[in-house]
Amino acid sequence: LQWTKYQNKQVSPLQSAVCGSASGAFAAAWTTPLDVIKTRLMLGKDKSGVAYHSAIDVARRVIYQEGWRTLLSGIEPRVIWISIGGFVFFGAYEEARSIGLKVNGCNDHN
């Protein structure tokens, strides 16, 4: 809504898609280490069969035993997948919203 006021016209489906893609990519990159930790916790044990006790335990052991880069495992496909999804979802949503407003004869500048 703020961007609509700034540019003095409704956000286009393409603008919405780009924003959805960028925000999805950012979120995917920043949450990848948390996803790695969650997956390890769900597995319950490390390669040697030693049980994990907490998320902090997982993070420490992964960093010390495998290196900090392991926490970024899978970041590239995750960022690509989520950014494509954000582009499609937000772009399609705005396009459908725009069409729906036109069909119903509503003013698109709310």
C-alpha atoms as a PDB file:
ATOM      1  CA  LEU A   1       0.000   0.000   0.000  1.00  0.00           C
ATOM      2  CA  GLN A   2       2.861   2.409   0.743  1.00  0.00           C
ATOM      3  CA  TRP A   3       4.539   1.732  -2.599  1.00  0.00           C
ATOM      4  CA  THR A   4       1.224   2.432  -4.339  1.00  0.00           C
ATOM      5  CA  LYS A   5       1.160   5.869  -2.716  1.00  0.00           C
ATOM      6  CA  TYR A   6       4.824   6.498  -3.554  1.00  0.00           C
ATOM      7  CA  GLN A   7       4.477   5.713  -7.263  1.00  0.00           C
ATOM      8  CA  ASN A   8       0.956   7.157  -7.430  1.00  0.00           C
ATOM      9  CA  LYS A   9      -0.440   4.062  -9.141  1.00  0.00           C
ATOM     10  CA  GLN A  10      -1.305   0.484  -8.269  1.00  0.00           C
ATOM     11  CA  VAL A  11       1.510  -2.054  -7.896  1.00  0.00           C
ATOM     12  CA  SER A  12       1.796  -4.066 -11.108  1.00  0.00           C
ATOM     13  CA  PRO A  13       1.793  -7.866 -11.116  1.00  0.00           C
ATOM     14  CA  LEU A  14       5.411  -7.783 -12.317  1.00  0.00           C
ATOM     15  CA  GLN A  15       6.477  -5.492  -9.456  1.00  0.00           C
ATOM     16  CA  SER A  16       4.711  -7.747  -6.990  1.00  0.00           C
ATOM     17  CA  ALA A  17       6.337 -10.838  -8.506  1.00  0.00           C
ATOM     18  CA  VAL A  18       9.823  -9.308  -8.289  1.00  0.00           C
ATOM     19  CA  CYS A  19       9.258  -8.302  -4.663  1.00  0.00           C
ATOM     20  CA  GLY A  20       7.954 -11.783  -3.842  1.00  0.00           C
ATOM     21  CA  SER A  21      10.964 -13.351  -5.498  1.00  0.00           C
ATOM     22  CA  ALA A  22      13.488 -11.104  -3.742  1.00  0.00           C
ATOM     23  CA  SER A  23      11.923 -11.469  -0.318  1.00  0.00           C
ATOM     24  CA  GLY A  24      11.622 -15.223  -0.759  1.00  0.00           C
ATOM     25  CA  ALA A  25      15.275 -15.508  -1.762  1.00  0.00           C
ATOM     26  CA  PHE A  26      16.367 -13.411   1.221  1.00  0.00           C
ATOM     27  CA  ALA A  27      14.270 -15.439   3.660  1.00  0.00           C
ATOM     28  CA  ALA A  28      15.437 -18.743   2.180  1.00  0.00           C
ATOM     29  CA  ALA A  29      19.096 -17.771   2.482  1.00  0.00           C
ATOM     30  CA  TRP A  30      18.805 -16.561   6.060  1.00  0.00           C
ATOM     31  CA  THR A  31      16.803 -19.553   7.269  1.00  0.00           C
ATOM     32  CA  THR A  32      18.889 -22.271   5.596  1.00  0.00           C
ATOM     33  CA  PRO A  33      21.092 -22.819   8.686  1.00  0.00           C
ATOM     34  CA  LEU A  34      17.955 -23.185  10.811  1.00  0.00           C
ATOM     35  CA  ASP A  35      16.586 -25.727   8.359  1.00  0.00           C
ATOM     36  CA  VAL A  36      19.831 -27.725   8.489  1.00  0.00           C
ATOM     37  CA  ILE A  37      19.697 -27.701  12.301  1.00  0.00           C
ATOM     38  CA  LYS A  38      16.011 -28.728  12.286  1.00  0.00           C
ATOM     39  CA  THR A  39      16.708 -31.595   9.902  1.00  0.00           C
ATOM     40  CA  ARG A  40      19.580 -32.841  12.050  1.00  0.00           C
ATOM     41  CA  LEU A  41      17.381 -32.661  15.161  1.00  0.00           C
ATOM     42  CA  MET A  42      14.703 -34.671  13.368  1.00  0.00           C
ATOM     43  CA  LEU A  43      17.285 -37.316  12.478  1.00  0.00           C
ATOM     44  CA  GLY A  44      18.200 -37.446  16.164  1.00  0.00           C
ATOM     45  CA  LYS A  45      21.811 -38.610  15.787  1.00  0.00           C
ATOM     46  CA  ASP A  46      25.014 -37.619  14.031  1.00  0.00           C
ATOM     47  CA  LYS A  47      26.972 -39.830  11.612  1.00  0.00           C
ATOM     48  CA  SER A  48      28.565 -41.677  14.535  1.00  0.00           C
ATOM     49  CA  GLY A  49      25.215 -42.441  16.140  1.00  0.00           C
ATOM     50  CA  VAL A  50      25.630 -39.935  18.982  1.00  0.00           C
ATOM     51  CA  ALA A  51      22.286 -38.351  19.893  1.00  0.00           C
ATOM     52  CA  TYR A  52      21.725 -34.604  19.607  1.00  0.00           C
ATOM     53  CA  HIS A  53      20.450 -32.838  22.726  1.00  0.00           C
ATOM     54  CA  SER A  54      19.348 -29.424  21.445  1.00  0.00           C
ATOM     55  CA  ALA A  55      19.538 -27.035  18.522  1.00  0.00           C
ATOM     56  CA  ILE A  56      22.609 -25.417  20.053  1.00  0.00           C
ATOM     57  CA  ASP A  57      24.215 -28.851  20.409  1.00  0.00           C
ATOM     58  CA  VAL A  58      23.536 -29.527  16.723  1.00  0.00           C
ATOM     59  CA  ALA A  59      24.971 -26.163  15.643  1.00  0.00           C
ATOM     60  CA  ARG A  60      28.125 -26.574  17.747  1.00  0.00           C
ATOM     61  CA  ARG A  61      28.783 -30.117  16.613  1.00  0.00           C
ATOM     62  CA  VAL A  62      28.165 -29.356  12.969  1.00  0.00           C
ATOM     63  CA  ILE A  63      30.510 -26.351  13.096  1.00  0.00           C
ATOM     64  CA  TYR A  64      33.284 -28.175  14.976  1.00  0.00           C
ATOM     65  CA  GLN A  65      33.022 -31.532  13.203  1.00  0.00           C
ATOM     66  CA  GLU A  66      32.023 -30.540   9.674  1.00  0.00           C
ATOM     67  CA  GLY A  67      32.713 -26.806   9.371  1.00  0.00           C
ATOM     68  CA  TRP A  68      30.406 -23.785   9.361  1.00  0.00           C
ATOM     69  CA  ARG A  69      29.759 -24.131   5.634  1.00  0.00           C
ATOM     70  CA  THR A  70      27.781 -27.286   6.346  1.00  0.00           C
ATOM     71  CA  LEU A  71      25.097 -25.053   7.879  1.00  0.00           C
ATOM     72  CA  LEU A  72      24.639 -23.585   4.394  1.00  0.00           C
ATOM     73  CA  SER A  73      24.140 -26.977   2.750  1.00  0.00           C
ATOM     74  CA  GLY A  74      21.553 -26.741   0.014  1.00  0.00           C
ATOM     75  CA  ILE A  75      21.336 -22.953   0.042  1.00  0.00           C
ATOM     76  CA  GLU A  76      21.498 -22.576  -3.754  1.00  0.00           C
ATOM     77  CA  PRO A  77      18.595 -24.850  -4.712  1.00  0.00           C
ATOM     78  CA  ARG A  78      16.570 -23.598  -1.733  1.00  0.00           C
ATOM     79  CA  VAL A  79      17.015 -19.938  -2.734  1.00  0.00           C
ATOM     80  CA  ILE A  80      16.244 -20.687  -6.390  1.00  0.00           C
ATOM     81  CA  TRP A  81      13.168 -22.775  -5.580  1.00  0.00           C
ATOM     82  CA  ILE A  82      11.677 -20.315  -3.090  1.00  0.00           C
ATOM     83  CA  SER A  83      12.428 -17.246  -5.220  1.00  0.00           C
ATOM     84  CA  ILE A  84      10.712 -18.843  -8.231  1.00  0.00           C
ATOM     85  CA  GLY A  85       7.771 -19.745  -6.022  1.00  0.00           C
ATOM     86  CA  GLY A  86       7.547 -16.188  -4.671  1.00  0.00           C
ATOM     87  CA  PHE A  87       7.655 -14.761  -8.187  1.00  0.00           C
ATOM     88  CA  VAL A  88       4.878 -17.020  -9.439  1.00  0.00           C
ATOM     89  CA  PHE A  89       2.693 -16.758  -6.332  1.00  0.00           C
ATOM     90  CA  PHE A  90       2.791 -12.984  -5.889  1.00  0.00           C
ATOM     91  CA  GLY A  91       2.645 -12.259  -9.607  1.00  0.00           C
ATOM     92  CA  ALA A  92      -0.330 -14.575 -10.106  1.00  0.00           C
ATOM     93  CA  TYR A  93      -2.064 -13.192  -7.028  1.00  0.00           C
ATOM     94  CA  GLU A  94      -1.762  -9.582  -8.194  1.00  0.00           C
ATOM     95  CA  GLU A  95      -2.849 -10.476 -11.732  1.00  0.00           C
ATOM     96  CA  ALA A  96      -5.904 -12.375 -10.452  1.00  0.00           C
ATOM     97  CA  ARG A  97      -6.698  -9.544  -8.036  1.00  0.00           C
ATOM     98  CA  SER A  98      -6.447  -6.991 -10.831  1.00  0.00           C
ATOM     99  CA  ILE A  99      -8.703  -9.035 -13.126  1.00  0.00           C
ATOM    100  CA  GLY A 100     -11.197  -9.611 -10.314  1.00  0.00           C
ATOM    101  CA  LEU A 101     -11.393  -5.914  -9.524  1.00  0.00           C
ATOM    102  CA  LYS A 102     -11.919  -5.040 -13.192  1.00  0.00           C
ATOM    103  CA  VAL A 103     -14.643  -7.668 -13.605  1.00  0.00           C
ATOM    104  CA  ASN A 104     -16.441  -6.358 -10.518  1.00  0.00           C
ATOM    105  CA  GLY A 105     -16.025  -2.729 -11.598  1.00  0.00           C
ATOM    106  CA  CYS A 106     -14.121  -1.799  -8.440  1.00  0.00           C
ATOM    107  CA  ASN A 107     -11.669   1.067  -8.158  1.00  0.00           C
ATOM    108  CA  ASP A 108      -8.146  -0.398  -7.958  1.00  0.00           C
ATOM    109  CA  HIS A 109      -6.608   2.479  -5.934  1.00  0.00           C
ATOM    110  CA  ASN A 110      -7.464   1.517  -2.327  1.00  0.00           C
END
